[in-house]
C-alpha cells in the first residue's frame, strides 16, 4: 500500500494544477471521466511496455522505475 502513496500524491497535485489552469483560462476545460480513464490506462500500458522492454534488454527495472520513465517521457512531450 505504501508504494501507491507517491503516485496518489502526484495525481492529487496534478489535478490541483490543472484546476488552477482552468480557473485562469476560460478556453481550457477539465477532461471528462472517459478521457481520464483512458489516459490512466494508456499510462499503465506504456509503463508495462517500458518495464518489459527493459527486461528484454537485460535491465532489472522495478515497476516504480518504469512508471517514472513513463512520467518523464510524457512530461518531456508536453514541456514548453
PDB file of N, CA and C in Angstrom:
ATOM      1  N   UNK A   1       0.828  -1.193   0.000  1.00  0.00           N
ATOM      2  CA  UNK A   1       0.000   0.000   0.000  1.00  0.00           C
ATOM      3  C   UNK A   1       0.868   1.251   0.000  1.00  0.00           C
ATOM      4  N   UNK A   2       2.011   1.202   0.637  1.00  0.00           N
ATOM      5  CA  UNK A   2       2.872   2.385   0.726  1.00  0.00           C
ATOM      6  C   UNK A   2       3.414   2.807  -0.631  1.00  0.00           C
ATOM      7  N   UNK A   3       3.535   1.879  -1.573  1.00  0.00           N
ATOM      8  CA  UNK A   3       4.075   2.237  -2.887  1.00  0.00           C
ATOM      9  C   UNK A   3       3.104   3.101  -3.686  1.00  0.00           C
ATOM     10  N   UNK A   4       1.828   3.119  -3.303  1.00  0.00           N
ATOM     11  CA  UNK A   4       0.841   3.933  -4.010  1.00  0.00           C
ATOM     12  C   UNK A   4       0.811   5.372  -3.523  1.00  0.00           C
ATOM     13  N   UNK A   5       1.387   5.652  -2.374  1.00  0.00           N
ATOM     14  CA  UNK A   5       1.324   6.994  -1.806  1.00  0.00           C
ATOM     15  C   UNK A   5       1.967   8.051  -2.696  1.00  0.00           C
ATOM     16  N   UNK A   6       3.181   7.835  -3.217  1.00  0.00           N
ATOM     17  CA  UNK A   6       3.749   8.868  -4.105  1.00  0.00           C
ATOM     18  C   UNK A   6       2.902   9.083  -5.354  1.00  0.00           C
ATOM     19  N   UNK A   7       2.392   8.018  -5.931  1.00  0.00           N
ATOM     20  CA  UNK A   7       1.558   8.153  -7.127  1.00  0.00           C
ATOM     21  C   UNK A   7       0.279   8.913  -6.822  1.00  0.00           C
ATOM     22  N   UNK A   8      -0.303   8.635  -5.679  1.00  0.00           N
ATOM     23  CA  UNK A   8      -1.524   9.331  -5.280  1.00  0.00           C
ATOM     24  C   UNK A   8      -1.247  10.804  -5.048  1.00  0.00           C
ATOM     25  N   UNK A   9      -0.135  11.102  -4.387  1.00  0.00           N
ATOM     26  CA  UNK A   9       0.230  12.500  -4.134  1.00  0.00           C
ATOM     27  C   UNK A   9       0.466  13.243  -5.445  1.00  0.00           C
ATOM     28  N   UNK A  10       1.114  12.595  -6.389  1.00  0.00           N
ATOM     29  CA  UNK A  10       1.368  13.218  -7.690  1.00  0.00           C
ATOM     30  C   UNK A  10       0.052  13.439  -8.435  1.00  0.00           C
ATOM     31  N   UNK A  11      -0.844  12.471  -8.366  1.00  0.00           N
ATOM     32  CA  UNK A  11      -2.141  12.611  -9.039  1.00  0.00           C
ATOM     33  C   UNK A  11      -2.943  13.769  -8.451  1.00  0.00           C
ATOM     34  N   UNK A  12      -2.943  13.897  -7.135  1.00  0.00           N
ATOM     35  CA  UNK A  12      -3.678  14.990  -6.488  1.00  0.00           C
ATOM     36  C   UNK A  12      -3.060  16.335  -6.848  1.00  0.00           C
ATOM     37  N   UNK A  13      -1.732  16.412  -6.802  1.00  0.00           N
ATOM     38  CA  UNK A  13      -1.054  17.665  -7.158  1.00  0.00           C
ATOM     39  C   UNK A  13      -1.319  18.033  -8.618  1.00  0.00           C
ATOM     40  N   UNK A  14      -1.314  17.049  -9.489  1.00  0.00           N
ATOM     41  CA  UNK A  14      -1.575  17.305 -10.912  1.00  0.00           C
ATOM     42  C   UNK A  14      -2.992  17.797 -11.129  1.00  0.00           C
ATOM     43  N   UNK A  15      -3.944  17.216 -10.428  1.00  0.00           N
ATOM     44  CA  UNK A  15      -5.340  17.631 -10.569  1.00  0.00           C
ATOM     45  C   UNK A  15      -5.522  19.067 -10.083  1.00  0.00           C
ATOM     46  N   UNK A  16      -4.881  19.413  -8.953  1.00  0.00           N
ATOM     47  CA  UNK A  16      -4.961  20.790  -8.440  1.00  0.00           C
ATOM     48  C   UNK A  16      -4.331  21.765  -9.431  1.00  0.00           C
ATOM     49  N   UNK A  17      -3.212  21.380 -10.037  1.00  0.00           N
ATOM     50  CA  UNK A  17      -2.540  22.222 -11.028  1.00  0.00           C
ATOM     51  C   UNK A  17      -3.458  22.459 -12.221  1.00  0.00           C
ATOM     52  N   UNK A  18      -4.095  21.387 -12.686  1.00  0.00           N
ATOM     53  CA  UNK A  18      -4.995  21.503 -13.830  1.00  0.00           C
ATOM     54  C   UNK A  18      -6.205  22.375 -13.498  1.00  0.00           C
ATOM     55  N   UNK A  19      -6.749  22.228 -12.306  1.00  0.00           N
ATOM     56  CA  UNK A  19      -7.881  23.067 -11.902  1.00  0.00           C
ATOM     57  C   UNK A  19      -7.474  24.541 -11.848  1.00  0.00           C
ATOM     58  N   UNK A  20      -6.223  24.812 -11.444  1.00  0.00           N
ATOM     59  CA  UNK A  20      -5.722  26.187 -11.438  1.00  0.00           C
ATOM     60  C   UNK A  20      -5.640  26.764 -12.841  1.00  0.00           C
ATOM     61  N   UNK A  21      -5.221  25.950 -13.789  1.00  0.00           N
ATOM     62  CA  UNK A  21      -5.158  26.400 -15.188  1.00  0.00           C
ATOM     63  C   UNK A  21      -6.560  26.723 -15.701  1.00  0.00           C
ATOM     64  N   UNK A  22      -7.527  25.888 -15.357  1.00  0.00           N
ATOM     65  CA  UNK A  22      -8.909  26.109 -15.794  1.00  0.00           C
ATOM     66  C   UNK A  22      -9.445  27.418 -15.223  1.00  0.00           C
ATOM     67  N   UNK A  23      -9.125  27.720 -13.976  1.00  0.00           N
ATOM     68  CA  UNK A  23      -9.589  28.969 -13.356  1.00  0.00           C
ATOM     69  C   UNK A  23      -8.988  30.192 -14.039  1.00  0.00           C
ATOM     70  N   UNK A  24      -7.732  30.091 -14.473  1.00  0.00           N
ATOM     71  CA  UNK A  24      -7.051  31.230 -15.089  1.00  0.00           C
ATOM     72  C   UNK A  24      -7.361  31.394 -16.572  1.00  0.00           C
ATOM     73  N   UNK A  25      -7.811  30.346 -17.235  1.00  0.00           N
ATOM     74  CA  UNK A  25      -8.013  30.378 -18.680  1.00  0.00           C
ATOM     75  C   UNK A  25      -9.371  29.761 -19.020  1.00  0.00           C
ATOM     76  N   UNK A  26     -10.289  30.580 -19.494  1.00  0.00           N
ATOM     77  CA  UNK A  26     -11.644  30.108 -19.793  1.00  0.00           C
ATOM     78  C   UNK A  26     -11.708  29.164 -20.994  1.00  0.00           C
ATOM     79  N   UNK A  27     -10.694  29.161 -21.842  1.00  0.00           N
ATOM     80  CA  UNK A  27     -10.722  28.292 -23.021  1.00  0.00           C
ATOM     81  C   UNK A  27     -10.320  26.856 -22.695  1.00  0.00           C
ATOM     82  N   UNK A  28      -9.793  26.629 -21.497  1.00  0.00           N
ATOM     83  CA  UNK A  28      -9.376  25.288 -21.082  1.00  0.00           C
ATOM     84  C   UNK A  28     -10.490  24.672 -20.238  1.00  0.00           C
ATOM     85  N   UNK A  29     -10.833  23.431 -20.525  1.00  0.00           N
ATOM     86  CA  UNK A  29     -11.839  22.721 -19.737  1.00  0.00           C
ATOM     87  C   UNK A  29     -11.228  21.449 -19.156  1.00  0.00           C
ATOM     88  N   UNK A  30     -11.787  21.002 -18.048  1.00  0.00           N
ATOM     89  CA  UNK A  30     -11.320  19.761 -17.438  1.00  0.00           C
ATOM     90  C   UNK A  30     -11.755  18.573 -18.289  1.00  0.00           C
ATOM     91  N   UNK A  31     -10.925  17.546 -18.358  1.00  0.00           N
ATOM     92  CA  UNK A  31     -11.315  16.362 -19.121  1.00  0.00           C
ATOM     93  C   UNK A  31     -12.427  15.601 -18.403  1.00  0.00           C
ATOM     94  N   UNK A  32     -13.203  14.875 -19.171  1.00  0.00           N
ATOM     95  CA  UNK A  32     -14.275  14.068 -18.602  1.00  0.00           C
ATOM     96  C   UNK A  32     -13.744  12.754 -18.053  1.00  0.00           C
ATOM     97  N   UNK A  33     -14.597  11.985 -17.398  1.00  0.00           N
ATOM     98  CA  UNK A  33     -14.162  10.724 -16.806  1.00  0.00           C
ATOM     99  C   UNK A  33     -13.655   9.713 -17.838  1.00  0.00           C
ATOM    100  N   UNK A  34     -14.222   9.733 -19.033  1.00  0.00           N
ATOM    101  CA  UNK A  34     -13.751   8.816 -20.078  1.00  0.00           C
ATOM    102  C   UNK A  34     -12.314   9.140 -20.463  1.00  0.00           C
ATOM    103  N   UNK A  35     -12.021  10.417 -20.661  1.00  0.00           N
ATOM    104  CA  UNK A  35     -10.663  10.829 -21.030  1.00  0.00           C
ATOM    105  C   UNK A  35      -9.673  10.509 -19.917  1.00  0.00           C
ATOM    106  N   UNK A  36     -10.073  10.742 -18.688  1.00  0.00           N
ATOM    107  CA  UNK A  36      -9.183  10.451 -17.557  1.00  0.00           C
ATOM    108  C   UNK A  36      -8.921   8.953 -17.456  1.00  0.00           C
ATOM    109  N   UNK A  37      -9.972   8.157 -17.586  1.00  0.00           N
ATOM    110  CA  UNK A  37      -9.815   6.707 -17.511  1.00  0.00           C
ATOM    111  C   UNK A  37      -8.944   6.152 -18.624  1.00  0.00           C
ATOM    112  N   UNK A  38      -9.187   6.604 -19.845  1.00  0.00           N
ATOM    113  CA  UNK A  38      -8.385   6.131 -20.977  1.00  0.00           C
ATOM    114  C   UNK A  38      -6.932   6.578 -20.867  1.00  0.00           C
ATOM    115  N   UNK A  39      -6.711   7.777 -20.347  1.00  0.00           N
ATOM    116  CA  UNK A  39      -5.349   8.262 -20.151  1.00  0.00           C
ATOM    117  C   UNK A  39      -4.621   7.416 -19.111  1.00  0.00           C
ATOM    118  N   UNK A  40      -5.298   7.102 -18.023  1.00  0.00           N
ATOM    119  CA  UNK A  40      -4.690   6.261 -16.983  1.00  0.00           C
ATOM    120  C   UNK A  40      -4.336   4.883 -17.534  1.00  0.00           C
ATOM    121  N   UNK A  41      -5.243   4.308 -18.306  1.00  0.00           N
ATOM    122  CA  UNK A  41      -4.973   3.001 -18.909  1.00  0.00           C
ATOM    123  C   UNK A  41      -3.785   3.082 -19.864  1.00  0.00           C
ATOM    124  N   UNK A  42      -3.715   4.142 -20.657  1.00  0.00           N
ATOM    125  CA  UNK A  42      -2.596   4.306 -21.598  1.00  0.00           C
ATOM    126  C   UNK A  42      -1.273   4.416 -20.856  1.00  0.00           C
ATOM    127  N   UNK A  43      -1.252   5.170 -19.753  1.00  0.00           N
ATOM    128  CA  UNK A  43      -0.018   5.311 -18.974  1.00  0.00           C
ATOM    129  C   UNK A  43       0.400   3.972 -18.371  1.00  0.00           C
ATOM    130  N   UNK A  44      -0.557   3.227 -17.866  1.00  0.00           N
ATOM    131  CA  UNK A  44      -0.234   1.920 -17.282  1.00  0.00           C
ATOM    132  C   UNK A  44       0.310   0.987 -18.355  1.00  0.00           C
ATOM    133  N   UNK A  45      -0.337   0.949 -19.507  1.00  0.00           N
ATOM    134  CA  UNK A  45       0.141   0.085 -20.593  1.00  0.00           C
ATOM    135  C   UNK A  45       1.517   0.514 -21.090  1.00  0.00           C
ATOM    136  N   UNK A  46       1.753   1.818 -21.164  1.00  0.00           N
ATOM    137  CA  UNK A  46       3.075   2.289 -21.579  1.00  0.00           C
ATOM    138  C   UNK A  46       4.131   1.914 -20.544  1.00  0.00           C
ATOM    139  N   UNK A  47       3.783   1.973 -19.267  1.00  0.00           N
ATOM    140  CA  UNK A  47       4.718   1.571 -18.215  1.00  0.00           C
ATOM    141  C   UNK A  47       5.036   0.085 -18.297  1.00  0.00           C
ATOM    142  N   UNK A  48       4.028  -0.719 -18.607  1.00  0.00           N
ATOM    143  CA  UNK A  48       4.257  -2.156 -18.790  1.00  0.00           C
ATOM    144  C   UNK A  48       5.203  -2.382 -19.960  1.00  0.00           C
ATOM    145  N   UNK A  49       5.017  -1.636 -21.035  1.00  0.00           N
ATOM    146  CA  UNK A  49       5.895  -1.746 -22.196  1.00  0.00           C
ATOM    147  C   UNK A  49       7.334  -1.355 -21.845  1.00  0.00           C
ATOM    148  N   UNK A  50       7.504  -0.278 -21.093  1.00  0.00           N
ATOM    149  CA  UNK A  50       8.841   0.145 -20.657  1.00  0.00           C
ATOM    150  C   UNK A  50       9.466  -0.935 -19.786  1.00  0.00           C
ATOM    151  N   UNK A  51       8.687  -1.460 -18.841  1.00  0.00           N
ATOM    152  CA  UNK A  51       9.185  -2.489 -17.926  1.00  0.00           C
ATOM    153  C   UNK A  51       9.610  -3.742 -18.695  1.00  0.00           C
ATOM    154  N   UNK A  52       8.766  -4.199 -19.624  1.00  0.00           N
ATOM    155  CA  UNK A  52       9.076  -5.404 -20.388  1.00  0.00           C
ATOM    156  C   UNK A  52      10.271  -5.181 -21.314  1.00  0.00           C
ATOM    157  N   UNK A  53      10.340  -4.029 -21.952  1.00  0.00           N
ATOM    158  CA  UNK A  53      11.472  -3.727 -22.839  1.00  0.00           C
ATOM    159  C   UNK A  53      12.780  -3.699 -22.063  1.00  0.00           C
ATOM    160  N   UNK A  54      12.743  -3.148 -20.868  1.00  0.00           N
ATOM    161  CA  UNK A  54      13.948  -3.118 -20.035  1.00  0.00           C
ATOM    162  C   UNK A  54      14.386  -4.534 -19.675  1.00  0.00           C
ATOM    163  N   UNK A  55      13.437  -5.401 -19.366  1.00  0.00           N
ATOM    164  CA  UNK A  55      13.785  -6.788 -19.050  1.00  0.00           C
ATOM    165  C   UNK A  55      14.337  -7.509 -20.273  1.00  0.00           C
ATOM    166  N   UNK A  56      13.772  -7.248 -21.448  1.00  0.00           N
ATOM    167  CA  UNK A  56      14.309  -7.849 -22.671  1.00  0.00           C
ATOM    168  C   UNK A  56      15.741  -7.392 -22.922  1.00  0.00           C
ATOM    169  N   UNK A  57      16.050  -6.159 -22.513  1.00  0.00           N
ATOM    170  CA  UNK A  57      17.397  -5.618 -22.697  1.00  0.00           C
ATOM    171  C   UNK A  57      18.348  -6.063 -21.590  1.00  0.00           C
ATOM    172  N   UNK A  58      17.847  -6.844 -20.643  1.00  0.00           N
ATOM    173  CA  UNK A  58      18.694  -7.346 -19.567  1.00  0.00           C
ATOM    174  C   UNK A  58      18.816  -6.404 -18.382  1.00  0.00           C
ATOM    175  N   UNK A  59      17.941  -5.420 -18.291  1.00  0.00           N
ATOM    176  CA  UNK A  59      17.972  -4.468 -17.185  1.00  0.00           C
ATOM    177  C   UNK A  59      16.957  -4.883 -16.127  1.00  0.00           C
ATOM    178  N   UNK A  60      17.369  -4.829 -14.872  1.00  0.00           N
ATOM    179  CA  UNK A  60      16.466  -5.164 -13.772  1.00  0.00           C
ATOM    180  C   UNK A  60      15.777  -3.885 -13.307  1.00  0.00           C
ATOM    181  N   UNK A  61      14.613  -3.622 -13.871  1.00  0.00           N
ATOM    182  CA  UNK A  61      13.876  -2.388 -13.596  1.00  0.00           C
ATOM    183  C   UNK A  61      12.646  -2.725 -12.766  1.00  0.00           C
ATOM    184  N   UNK A  62      12.420  -1.949 -11.723  1.00  0.00           N
ATOM    185  CA  UNK A  62      11.235  -2.164 -10.894  1.00  0.00           C
ATOM    186  C   UNK A  62      10.028  -1.479 -11.526  1.00  0.00           C
ATOM    187  N   UNK A  63       8.844  -1.824 -11.028  1.00  0.00           N
ATOM    188  CA  UNK A  63       7.614  -1.217 -11.530  1.00  0.00           C
ATOM    189  C   UNK A  63       7.610   0.295 -11.314  1.00  0.00           C
ATOM    190  N   UNK A  64       7.984   0.805 -10.124  1.00  0.00           N
ATOM    191  CA  UNK A  64       8.028   2.267  -9.953  1.00  0.00           C
ATOM    192  C   UNK A  64       9.019   2.949 -10.904  1.00  0.00           C
ATOM    193  N   UNK A  65      10.130   2.277 -11.208  1.00  0.00           N
ATOM    194  CA  UNK A  65      11.089   2.844 -12.160  1.00  0.00           C
ATOM    195  C   UNK A  65      10.459   2.983 -13.548  1.00  0.00           C
ATOM    196  N   UNK A  66       9.732   1.970 -13.969  1.00  0.00           N
ATOM    197  CA  UNK A  66       9.072   2.017 -15.281  1.00  0.00           C
ATOM    198  C   UNK A  66       8.018   3.118 -15.314  1.00  0.00           C
ATOM    199  N   UNK A  67       7.288   3.284 -14.222  1.00  0.00           N
ATOM    200  CA  UNK A  67       6.286   4.347 -14.149  1.00  0.00           C
ATOM    201  C   UNK A  67       6.950   5.719 -14.181  1.00  0.00           C
ATOM    202  N   UNK A  68       8.087   5.849 -13.511  1.00  0.00           N
ATOM    203  CA  UNK A  68       8.823   7.119 -13.530  1.00  0.00           C
ATOM    204  C   UNK A  68       9.319   7.442 -14.939  1.00  0.00           C
ATOM    205  N   UNK A  69       9.851   6.454 -15.636  1.00  0.00           N
ATOM    206  CA  UNK A  69      10.315   6.672 -17.010  1.00  0.00           C
ATOM    207  C   UNK A  69       9.150   7.121 -17.891  1.00  0.00           C
ATOM    208  N   UNK A  70       7.999   6.498 -17.728  1.00  0.00           N
ATOM    209  CA  UNK A  70       6.817   6.890 -18.500  1.00  0.00           C
ATOM    210  C   UNK A  70       6.413   8.319 -18.182  1.00  0.00           C
ATOM    211  N   UNK A  71       6.413   8.667 -16.901  1.00  0.00           N
ATOM    212  CA  UNK A  71       6.035  10.021 -16.484  1.00  0.00           C
ATOM    213  C   UNK A  71       6.977  11.062 -17.068  1.00  0.00           C
ATOM    214  N   UNK A  72       8.271  10.796 -17.015  1.00  0.00           N
ATOM    215  CA  UNK A  72       9.254  11.737 -17.557  1.00  0.00           C
ATOM    216  C   UNK A  72       9.103  11.853 -19.074  1.00  0.00           C
ATOM    217  N   UNK A  73       8.853  10.733 -19.746  1.00  0.00           N
ATOM    218  CA  UNK A  73       8.685  10.766 -21.203  1.00  0.00           C
ATOM    219  C   UNK A  73       7.460  11.590 -21.601  1.00  0.00           C
ATOM    220  N   UNK A  74       6.367  11.430 -20.881  1.00  0.00           N
ATOM    221  CA  UNK A  74       5.160  12.205 -21.188  1.00  0.00           C
ATOM    222  C   UNK A  74       5.381  13.676 -20.864  1.00  0.00           C
ATOM    223  N   UNK A  75       6.008  13.951 -19.724  1.00  0.00           N
ATOM    224  CA  UNK A  75       6.278  15.347 -19.348  1.00  0.00           C
ATOM    225  C   UNK A  75       7.179  16.026 -20.372  1.00  0.00           C
ATOM    226  N   UNK A  76       8.147  15.300 -20.905  1.00  0.00           N
ATOM    227  CA  UNK A  76       9.038  15.883 -21.909  1.00  0.00           C
ATOM    228  C   UNK A  76       8.285  16.210 -23.199  1.00  0.00           C
ATOM    229  N   UNK A  77       7.252  15.455 -23.493  1.00  0.00           N
ATOM    230  CA  UNK A  77       6.467  15.703 -24.705  1.00  0.00           C
ATOM    231  C   UNK A  77       5.601  16.948 -24.592  1.00  0.00           C
ATOM    232  N   UNK A  78       5.172  17.284 -23.376  1.00  0.00           N
ATOM    233  CA  UNK A  78       4.279  18.431 -23.210  1.00  0.00           C
ATOM    234  C   UNK A  78       4.980  19.658 -22.652  1.00  0.00           C
ATOM    235  N   UNK A  79       6.258  19.543 -22.331  1.00  0.00           N
ATOM    236  CA  UNK A  79       7.001  20.682 -21.782  1.00  0.00           C
ATOM    237  C   UNK A  79       7.172  21.757 -22.857  1.00  0.00           C
ATOM    238  N   UNK A  80       7.108  23.019 -22.452  1.00  0.00           N
ATOM    239  CA  UNK A  80       7.269  24.104 -23.446  1.00  0.00           C
ATOM    240  C   UNK A  80       8.679  24.193 -23.989  1.00  0.00           C
TER     241      UNK A  80
END
